[in-house]
Amino acid sequence: MAIDLLDELTWRGLLHQCTHEQELRAHLGEPDRHRRRAYAGFDPTADSLTIGNLVPIMLLVHVARAGHEPVVVMGGGTGLIGDPSGKTAERQLRSEDEIAANVRAQQPIFERIFEGAARIEQREIPRPLIRNNLDWLRDLGYIQVLRDIGKHFSVNMMIQKESIRERLHGRDQGISYTEFSYMILQAYDFWHLHEHEGVSVQLGGSDQWGNIVAGVDLIRRMHASVDATDHDTPEAYGLTAPLVTKADGGKFGKTESGAVWLSPERTTPYAYHQFWLNAADEDVGRFLRIFTLLPREEIEHLETRVRENPGAREAQKALAHHATSLLYGEDEAVACEQAARALFSGEIAHLPEPTLRAVLAEVPSSTHPRHTLDGEGVALVDLLVETALASSKRQAREFLQAGSIAVNGRRIQGADARLTSADLLHGSLIALRRGKKAWHLTIWE
């Protein structure tokens, strides 16, 4: 059953601003009779998207759940310019080949998420149309842009945009004409999609509000300039989601190791799962609303459980499972949970190499010559000191005799233990553990 899109976005905390709300609500009504198209644009400045980009993707998922048609616009053209929104300095321009490669690399992310959404919903939902704005921007001539598009933009209005105003007032920053013109290109995207693809709604984060309103305005101005006698207002609307923040004031989507990405090559599924699992009690309810498709009743129940028994972390476990399942599938979500249990128990020998490396990515590690494991191998007493799991050989012997040391999850008893090539996992790794929490990954090359 289709959902009411605006009501769904509102209770999930995904509706920040929209143009002409009552008209938009009527426009989105009765999807069985009038399926609308809504788009969001994505900047291909890297070969992956970050968790921050997940917000507009979720907007598109809810568009599909409501029975409308989502459209993804890859910024193959605008990416050559760079959006100044949220930037304090000029972007470094990237080559056409680099932008094209990033567009190709990002595309599977949308496919995975929409497949995950259909699986979770247990029904078919519209998959996104994927477009590249280079296809229509590359043929625009400079005179054409100035004459047919630029005349509809007021410089006075453009410099009031927050990102541009801040750059103009920054003594050491400034803004180039290139980035200043980005708003015009994004607005033209909306006009092109409106005229040629029937797209009537643009979605984005709150930092895109100025660009989105400019697109709505351009459609209406272009429409009026073509036929001054036609008094029908073209149907074009904009909608933004709020900026996601953390309750403690920290930046959302950042960890000690950097940004959280939506591609396994950048952030492993296990690390992705762990990010959500570590959500604070103050944040977890909001994140469940925004980043999962769990129904309202279940989320409200989990929020109650956070208040009643925060130590159980039921909401965090649900968030991690469902967010990971949406991006990587149910099997991967279960595998991440099994890997976490393996790390806690120490029984890691059965883990696949990528999962093992991901599980131990944050623990201390060291590299050693592979050939030293040949023959009699390496004395564990010496290695414990070398890896700082023991402060001296005497302490290392005490640990070994007390059974406090495990190799790949196997408890070692005896001070004369040695490691050989038979102890290697996946041909190059040996994991040491002292007690329950002190891990060290040795890499043998």
Foldseek 3Di string as FASTA:
>chain_A
DADQLVVLCVVLQFFDDKPPVVVVSVQLPPLVVPAAEEEEEDALPDLFAFPQVVQVLLSQLSSQSNNHAYAYEYALPLNQQDALQPPQAGDDGDDSVSSVNSVVSHVVQLVLLQVLSCVVVVHDTHRYHYHYLCVPPVPDDPVCCCPQQVVLDDPVLLCVQPSNVSQCPDPPHHDDPSNSCSLSSLLVVLLCCCVPVVHAEYEEAPSCVSSQVSNLSRNQVSVCVVPVVDPDGDRHMYTHGYRDAAPVRDRPQADPVGGHTLDCVVPNLLNQLVSLLPHDLVCLLSLCSRQAPDDPVVSVVVNVCCVVPVPVSPSSLVSSQRNSCSRPNNVSSVLSVVLVVCLQLLQQLPPPPVSVCNSCVPAAEEEDAQCQQPDQAAQVLVVCCVSVVAVHSVRSQVQQCVQQKAKSNHTHHGRRDHHHQVSDRPRFWIWMGGHRPHIYIYGHD
